[in-house]
N, C-alpha and C. Protein backbone atom coordinates (compact mmCIF):
# COMPACT_ATOMS: atom_id res chain seq x y z
N MET A 1 -44.07 112.30 -130.58
CA MET A 1 -44.45 113.54 -129.94
C MET A 1 -43.73 113.71 -128.72
N SER A 2 -43.07 114.89 -128.51
CA SER A 2 -42.41 115.12 -127.20
C SER A 2 -42.64 116.57 -126.87
N GLY A 3 -42.50 116.87 -125.63
CA GLY A 3 -42.66 118.23 -125.22
C GLY A 3 -42.18 118.39 -123.73
N ARG A 4 -42.05 119.59 -123.25
CA ARG A 4 -41.62 119.76 -121.89
C ARG A 4 -42.08 121.18 -121.40
N GLY A 5 -42.26 121.24 -120.18
CA GLY A 5 -42.75 122.58 -119.68
C GLY A 5 -42.80 122.60 -118.19
N ASN A 6 -43.31 123.61 -117.64
CA ASN A 6 -43.50 123.74 -116.16
C ASN A 6 -44.87 124.36 -115.95
N LEU A 7 -45.62 123.71 -115.18
CA LEU A 7 -46.99 124.24 -114.89
C LEU A 7 -47.09 125.54 -114.38
N PHE A 8 -46.08 125.98 -113.67
CA PHE A 8 -46.05 127.30 -113.04
C PHE A 8 -45.30 128.40 -113.73
N ALA A 9 -44.74 128.00 -114.87
CA ALA A 9 -43.91 129.04 -115.70
C ALA A 9 -44.89 129.85 -116.60
N ALA A 10 -44.47 131.04 -116.83
CA ALA A 10 -45.20 131.97 -117.75
C ALA A 10 -46.68 132.00 -117.28
N LEU A 11 -46.96 132.18 -116.02
CA LEU A 11 -48.35 132.42 -115.61
C LEU A 11 -48.78 133.74 -116.14
N PRO A 12 -50.08 133.90 -116.53
CA PRO A 12 -50.57 135.10 -117.00
C PRO A 12 -50.81 136.03 -115.85
N PRO A 13 -50.86 137.35 -116.07
CA PRO A 13 -51.11 138.30 -114.97
C PRO A 13 -52.59 138.09 -114.61
N PRO A 14 -52.95 138.42 -113.31
CA PRO A 14 -54.40 138.50 -113.02
C PRO A 14 -55.30 139.32 -113.92
N GLY A 15 -56.36 138.88 -114.24
CA GLY A 15 -57.25 139.61 -115.16
C GLY A 15 -58.66 139.38 -114.73
N ALA A 16 -59.59 139.96 -115.58
CA ALA A 16 -60.97 139.82 -115.37
C ALA A 16 -61.54 138.43 -115.47
N GLU A 17 -60.89 137.63 -116.28
CA GLU A 17 -61.40 136.24 -116.57
C GLU A 17 -60.29 135.20 -116.22
N GLU A 18 -60.80 133.93 -115.97
CA GLU A 18 -59.90 132.89 -115.77
C GLU A 18 -59.09 132.69 -117.11
N ARG A 19 -58.02 132.12 -117.03
CA ARG A 19 -57.15 131.80 -118.13
C ARG A 19 -57.02 130.41 -118.44
N PHE A 20 -57.36 129.91 -119.57
CA PHE A 20 -57.17 128.56 -119.95
C PHE A 20 -56.11 128.31 -121.04
N ASP A 21 -55.15 127.53 -120.75
CA ASP A 21 -53.96 127.23 -121.55
C ASP A 21 -53.93 125.77 -121.85
N THR A 22 -54.03 125.48 -123.19
CA THR A 22 -53.89 123.98 -123.57
C THR A 22 -52.36 123.58 -123.57
N LEU A 23 -52.19 122.55 -122.65
CA LEU A 23 -50.74 122.10 -122.56
C LEU A 23 -50.52 120.92 -123.50
N LEU A 24 -51.59 120.13 -123.85
CA LEU A 24 -51.54 118.94 -124.66
C LEU A 24 -52.86 118.84 -125.37
N ASP A 25 -52.91 118.66 -126.62
CA ASP A 25 -54.04 118.33 -127.42
C ASP A 25 -53.72 117.07 -128.17
N HIS A 26 -54.26 115.95 -127.78
CA HIS A 26 -54.01 114.75 -128.30
C HIS A 26 -55.21 113.84 -128.41
N PRO A 27 -55.42 112.95 -129.40
CA PRO A 27 -56.57 112.15 -129.54
C PRO A 27 -57.09 111.46 -128.30
N ALA A 28 -56.08 111.13 -127.37
CA ALA A 28 -56.48 110.42 -126.01
C ALA A 28 -56.91 111.46 -125.03
N ALA A 29 -56.45 112.67 -125.04
CA ALA A 29 -56.86 113.49 -124.06
C ALA A 29 -56.40 114.98 -124.36
N ARG A 30 -57.11 115.94 -123.72
CA ARG A 30 -56.73 117.36 -123.86
C ARG A 30 -56.39 117.75 -122.38
N ILE A 31 -55.22 118.37 -122.17
CA ILE A 31 -54.79 118.79 -120.84
C ILE A 31 -54.58 120.30 -120.84
N GLU A 32 -55.27 120.87 -119.81
CA GLU A 32 -55.23 122.31 -119.71
C GLU A 32 -54.68 122.83 -118.42
N ARG A 33 -54.10 123.96 -118.36
CA ARG A 33 -53.83 124.79 -117.17
C ARG A 33 -54.86 125.84 -117.14
N ILE A 34 -55.41 126.02 -115.88
CA ILE A 34 -56.40 126.98 -115.63
C ILE A 34 -55.83 127.86 -114.47
N ALA A 35 -55.60 129.13 -114.78
CA ALA A 35 -55.26 130.10 -113.76
C ALA A 35 -56.52 130.98 -113.38
N SER A 36 -56.77 130.81 -112.02
CA SER A 36 -57.91 131.57 -111.45
C SER A 36 -57.34 132.62 -110.42
N PHE A 37 -57.95 133.75 -110.53
CA PHE A 37 -57.47 134.80 -109.62
C PHE A 37 -58.69 135.41 -108.85
N GLY A 38 -59.08 134.54 -107.98
CA GLY A 38 -60.38 135.00 -107.18
C GLY A 38 -61.61 134.79 -107.93
N HIS A 39 -61.59 134.08 -109.11
CA HIS A 39 -62.75 133.93 -109.86
C HIS A 39 -63.69 132.94 -109.30
N ALA A 40 -65.05 133.03 -109.73
CA ALA A 40 -66.10 132.17 -109.30
C ALA A 40 -67.02 132.10 -110.56
N SER A 41 -67.85 131.06 -110.59
CA SER A 41 -68.89 131.03 -111.63
C SER A 41 -69.92 132.08 -111.35
N PRO A 42 -70.48 132.68 -112.51
CA PRO A 42 -71.45 133.70 -112.32
C PRO A 42 -72.66 133.09 -111.51
N PRO A 43 -73.34 133.97 -110.85
CA PRO A 43 -74.43 133.52 -110.02
C PRO A 43 -75.50 132.74 -110.92
N GLY A 44 -75.89 131.60 -110.47
CA GLY A 44 -76.91 130.84 -111.19
C GLY A 44 -76.36 130.00 -112.36
N PHE A 45 -75.02 130.18 -112.64
CA PHE A 45 -74.41 129.42 -113.80
C PHE A 45 -73.87 128.07 -113.36
N TRP A 46 -74.17 127.03 -114.15
CA TRP A 46 -73.61 125.80 -113.82
C TRP A 46 -72.91 125.08 -115.09
N TYR A 47 -71.74 124.56 -114.94
CA TYR A 47 -71.17 123.78 -116.04
C TYR A 47 -71.98 122.53 -116.27
N ASP A 48 -72.14 122.18 -117.45
CA ASP A 48 -72.69 120.86 -117.80
C ASP A 48 -71.94 120.39 -119.03
N GLN A 49 -70.83 119.78 -118.88
CA GLN A 49 -69.83 119.44 -119.95
C GLN A 49 -70.27 118.08 -120.65
N PRO A 50 -70.11 117.90 -121.91
CA PRO A 50 -70.37 116.79 -122.65
C PRO A 50 -69.36 115.60 -122.33
N GLY A 51 -68.30 115.91 -121.82
CA GLY A 51 -67.27 114.91 -121.49
C GLY A 51 -66.83 114.88 -120.18
N ASP A 52 -66.15 113.81 -119.69
CA ASP A 52 -65.63 113.64 -118.28
C ASP A 52 -64.44 114.59 -118.19
N GLU A 53 -64.20 115.00 -116.96
CA GLU A 53 -63.10 115.84 -116.62
C GLU A 53 -62.45 115.44 -115.30
N TRP A 54 -61.13 115.36 -115.29
CA TRP A 54 -60.46 115.11 -113.98
C TRP A 54 -59.62 116.36 -113.79
N VAL A 55 -59.79 117.01 -112.61
CA VAL A 55 -59.22 118.25 -112.33
C VAL A 55 -58.53 118.21 -111.00
N MET A 56 -57.22 118.77 -110.98
CA MET A 56 -56.51 118.87 -109.75
C MET A 56 -56.08 120.38 -109.46
N LEU A 57 -56.29 120.74 -108.20
CA LEU A 57 -55.88 122.04 -107.74
C LEU A 57 -54.50 122.00 -107.41
N ALA A 58 -53.55 122.53 -108.32
CA ALA A 58 -52.10 122.48 -108.05
C ALA A 58 -51.57 123.51 -107.11
N ALA A 59 -52.30 124.61 -106.94
CA ALA A 59 -51.84 125.73 -106.06
C ALA A 59 -53.14 126.46 -105.63
N GLY A 60 -53.01 127.00 -104.46
CA GLY A 60 -54.23 127.86 -103.97
C GLY A 60 -55.27 127.03 -103.25
N ARG A 61 -56.47 127.67 -103.23
CA ARG A 61 -57.66 127.06 -102.59
C ARG A 61 -58.90 127.32 -103.56
N ALA A 62 -59.81 126.42 -103.44
CA ALA A 62 -61.02 126.62 -104.24
C ALA A 62 -62.18 125.90 -103.51
N THR A 63 -63.42 126.35 -103.88
CA THR A 63 -64.55 125.55 -103.54
C THR A 63 -65.44 125.29 -104.68
N LEU A 64 -65.75 123.98 -104.85
CA LEU A 64 -66.60 123.59 -105.88
C LEU A 64 -67.95 123.02 -105.37
N VAL A 65 -68.97 123.21 -106.11
CA VAL A 65 -70.31 122.58 -105.84
C VAL A 65 -70.61 121.68 -106.96
N LEU A 66 -70.94 120.34 -106.64
CA LEU A 66 -71.38 119.38 -107.42
C LEU A 66 -72.85 119.10 -107.22
N GLU A 67 -73.65 118.95 -108.31
CA GLU A 67 -74.96 118.62 -108.24
C GLU A 67 -75.13 117.13 -108.52
N HIS A 68 -75.81 116.36 -107.66
CA HIS A 68 -76.03 114.95 -107.99
C HIS A 68 -77.31 114.71 -108.69
N ALA A 69 -77.54 113.52 -109.22
CA ALA A 69 -78.62 113.25 -110.03
C ALA A 69 -79.96 113.43 -109.36
N ASP A 70 -79.98 113.22 -108.00
CA ASP A 70 -81.19 113.42 -107.19
C ASP A 70 -81.39 114.90 -106.83
N GLY A 71 -80.56 115.75 -107.32
CA GLY A 71 -80.70 117.20 -107.05
C GLY A 71 -79.97 117.73 -105.81
N ASP A 72 -79.35 116.72 -104.98
CA ASP A 72 -78.63 117.17 -103.82
C ASP A 72 -77.39 117.82 -104.31
N ARG A 73 -76.80 118.70 -103.45
CA ARG A 73 -75.63 119.39 -103.87
C ARG A 73 -74.57 119.06 -102.80
N GLU A 74 -73.33 118.97 -103.29
CA GLU A 74 -72.21 118.60 -102.46
C GLU A 74 -71.13 119.78 -102.60
N THR A 75 -70.66 120.37 -101.50
CA THR A 75 -69.72 121.51 -101.49
C THR A 75 -68.34 120.78 -101.19
N LEU A 76 -67.35 121.01 -101.99
CA LEU A 76 -66.02 120.49 -101.83
C LEU A 76 -65.04 121.68 -101.58
N ALA A 77 -64.33 121.77 -100.50
CA ALA A 77 -63.26 122.68 -100.18
C ALA A 77 -61.97 122.03 -100.60
N LEU A 78 -61.36 122.65 -101.57
CA LEU A 78 -60.07 122.10 -102.13
C LEU A 78 -58.81 122.85 -101.75
N ALA A 79 -57.82 122.09 -101.53
CA ALA A 79 -56.50 122.71 -101.23
C ALA A 79 -55.50 122.13 -102.28
N ALA A 80 -54.36 122.78 -102.42
CA ALA A 80 -53.33 122.34 -103.32
C ALA A 80 -53.11 120.77 -103.20
N GLY A 81 -53.16 120.10 -104.34
CA GLY A 81 -52.96 118.69 -104.28
C GLY A 81 -54.26 117.85 -104.41
N ASP A 82 -55.39 118.46 -104.08
CA ASP A 82 -56.68 117.76 -104.14
C ASP A 82 -57.13 117.67 -105.64
N TRP A 83 -57.80 116.52 -105.96
CA TRP A 83 -58.29 116.30 -107.29
C TRP A 83 -59.80 115.89 -107.18
N VAL A 84 -60.40 116.01 -108.31
CA VAL A 84 -61.90 115.57 -108.34
C VAL A 84 -62.07 115.03 -109.80
N PHE A 85 -62.89 113.92 -109.88
CA PHE A 85 -63.23 113.40 -111.27
C PHE A 85 -64.73 113.80 -111.34
N ILE A 86 -64.99 114.61 -112.49
CA ILE A 86 -66.36 115.03 -112.71
C ILE A 86 -66.88 114.26 -113.88
N PRO A 87 -67.84 113.40 -113.81
CA PRO A 87 -68.34 112.67 -114.99
C PRO A 87 -69.15 113.63 -115.93
N ALA A 88 -69.21 113.19 -117.15
CA ALA A 88 -69.89 113.99 -118.20
C ALA A 88 -71.30 114.36 -117.67
N HIS A 89 -71.66 115.48 -117.83
CA HIS A 89 -73.11 116.10 -117.54
C HIS A 89 -73.34 116.10 -116.05
N ARG A 90 -72.28 116.11 -115.21
CA ARG A 90 -72.47 116.26 -113.77
C ARG A 90 -72.45 117.79 -113.60
N ARG A 91 -73.44 118.43 -113.38
CA ARG A 91 -73.58 119.81 -113.19
C ARG A 91 -72.61 120.25 -111.97
N HIS A 92 -71.85 121.33 -112.20
CA HIS A 92 -70.93 121.78 -111.21
C HIS A 92 -70.60 123.22 -111.40
N ARG A 93 -70.19 123.88 -110.35
CA ARG A 93 -69.84 125.32 -110.47
C ARG A 93 -68.67 125.55 -109.55
N VAL A 94 -67.97 126.66 -109.87
CA VAL A 94 -66.81 127.11 -108.97
C VAL A 94 -67.40 128.15 -108.12
N GLU A 95 -67.49 127.91 -106.78
CA GLU A 95 -68.12 128.76 -105.83
C GLU A 95 -67.06 129.91 -105.54
N SER A 96 -65.72 129.56 -105.49
CA SER A 96 -64.80 130.51 -105.12
C SER A 96 -63.36 130.03 -105.37
N THR A 97 -62.42 130.85 -105.66
CA THR A 97 -60.93 130.45 -105.72
C THR A 97 -60.10 131.56 -104.99
N SER A 98 -59.04 131.12 -104.63
CA SER A 98 -58.02 132.12 -103.99
C SER A 98 -57.38 132.83 -105.24
N ASN A 99 -56.65 133.94 -104.97
CA ASN A 99 -56.14 134.75 -105.89
C ASN A 99 -54.81 134.01 -106.70
N ASP A 100 -54.58 132.90 -106.14
CA ASP A 100 -53.36 132.14 -106.72
C ASP A 100 -53.64 130.76 -107.14
N ALA A 101 -54.92 130.53 -107.47
CA ALA A 101 -55.35 129.15 -107.87
C ALA A 101 -54.92 128.74 -109.19
N ILE A 102 -54.22 127.56 -109.24
CA ILE A 102 -53.74 127.00 -110.55
C ILE A 102 -54.32 125.57 -110.69
N TRP A 103 -55.04 125.20 -111.68
CA TRP A 103 -55.65 123.95 -111.90
C TRP A 103 -54.92 123.30 -113.02
N LEU A 104 -54.86 121.89 -112.99
CA LEU A 104 -54.65 121.03 -114.07
C LEU A 104 -55.80 120.23 -114.36
N ALA A 105 -56.23 120.37 -115.58
CA ALA A 105 -57.58 119.65 -115.99
C ALA A 105 -57.18 118.77 -117.13
N VAL A 106 -57.72 117.51 -116.94
CA VAL A 106 -57.60 116.47 -118.02
C VAL A 106 -58.99 116.14 -118.51
N HIS A 107 -59.09 116.24 -119.97
CA HIS A 107 -60.39 115.88 -120.56
C HIS A 107 -60.04 114.65 -121.40
N PRO A 108 -60.50 113.44 -120.95
CA PRO A 108 -60.21 112.17 -121.80
C PRO A 108 -60.87 112.18 -123.10
N GLY A 109 -60.21 111.79 -124.15
CA GLY A 109 -60.86 111.77 -125.46
C GLY A 109 -61.03 113.20 -125.96
N LYS A 110 -61.49 113.32 -127.13
CA LYS A 110 -61.68 114.65 -127.69
C LYS A 110 -63.05 115.08 -127.18
N THR A 111 -63.07 116.40 -126.60
CA THR A 111 -64.31 116.98 -126.13
C THR A 111 -64.68 118.27 -126.88
């Protein structure tokens, strides 16, 4: 298997929703590019994913909120180049993104 691309090529135009593009779908991992244009999670919504996720903000700015097992919440201000590992079932939400936020998300194994 071989392939080639550029994370910043053929970016979608800003729209009402975030854009998820699968760059690699392999038994070992799924890798996505996520384009956010000032998007945030809906009020009261929390992601609770069944698998681990490693995410890097490649461009722009974003704020994530992670919920810990004891119910405490941690707010992370991210800039381009920052990455976060989010274990399976760690509740989290996107509080805000800049109009030019581009993420690289890696989901180990099939999720």
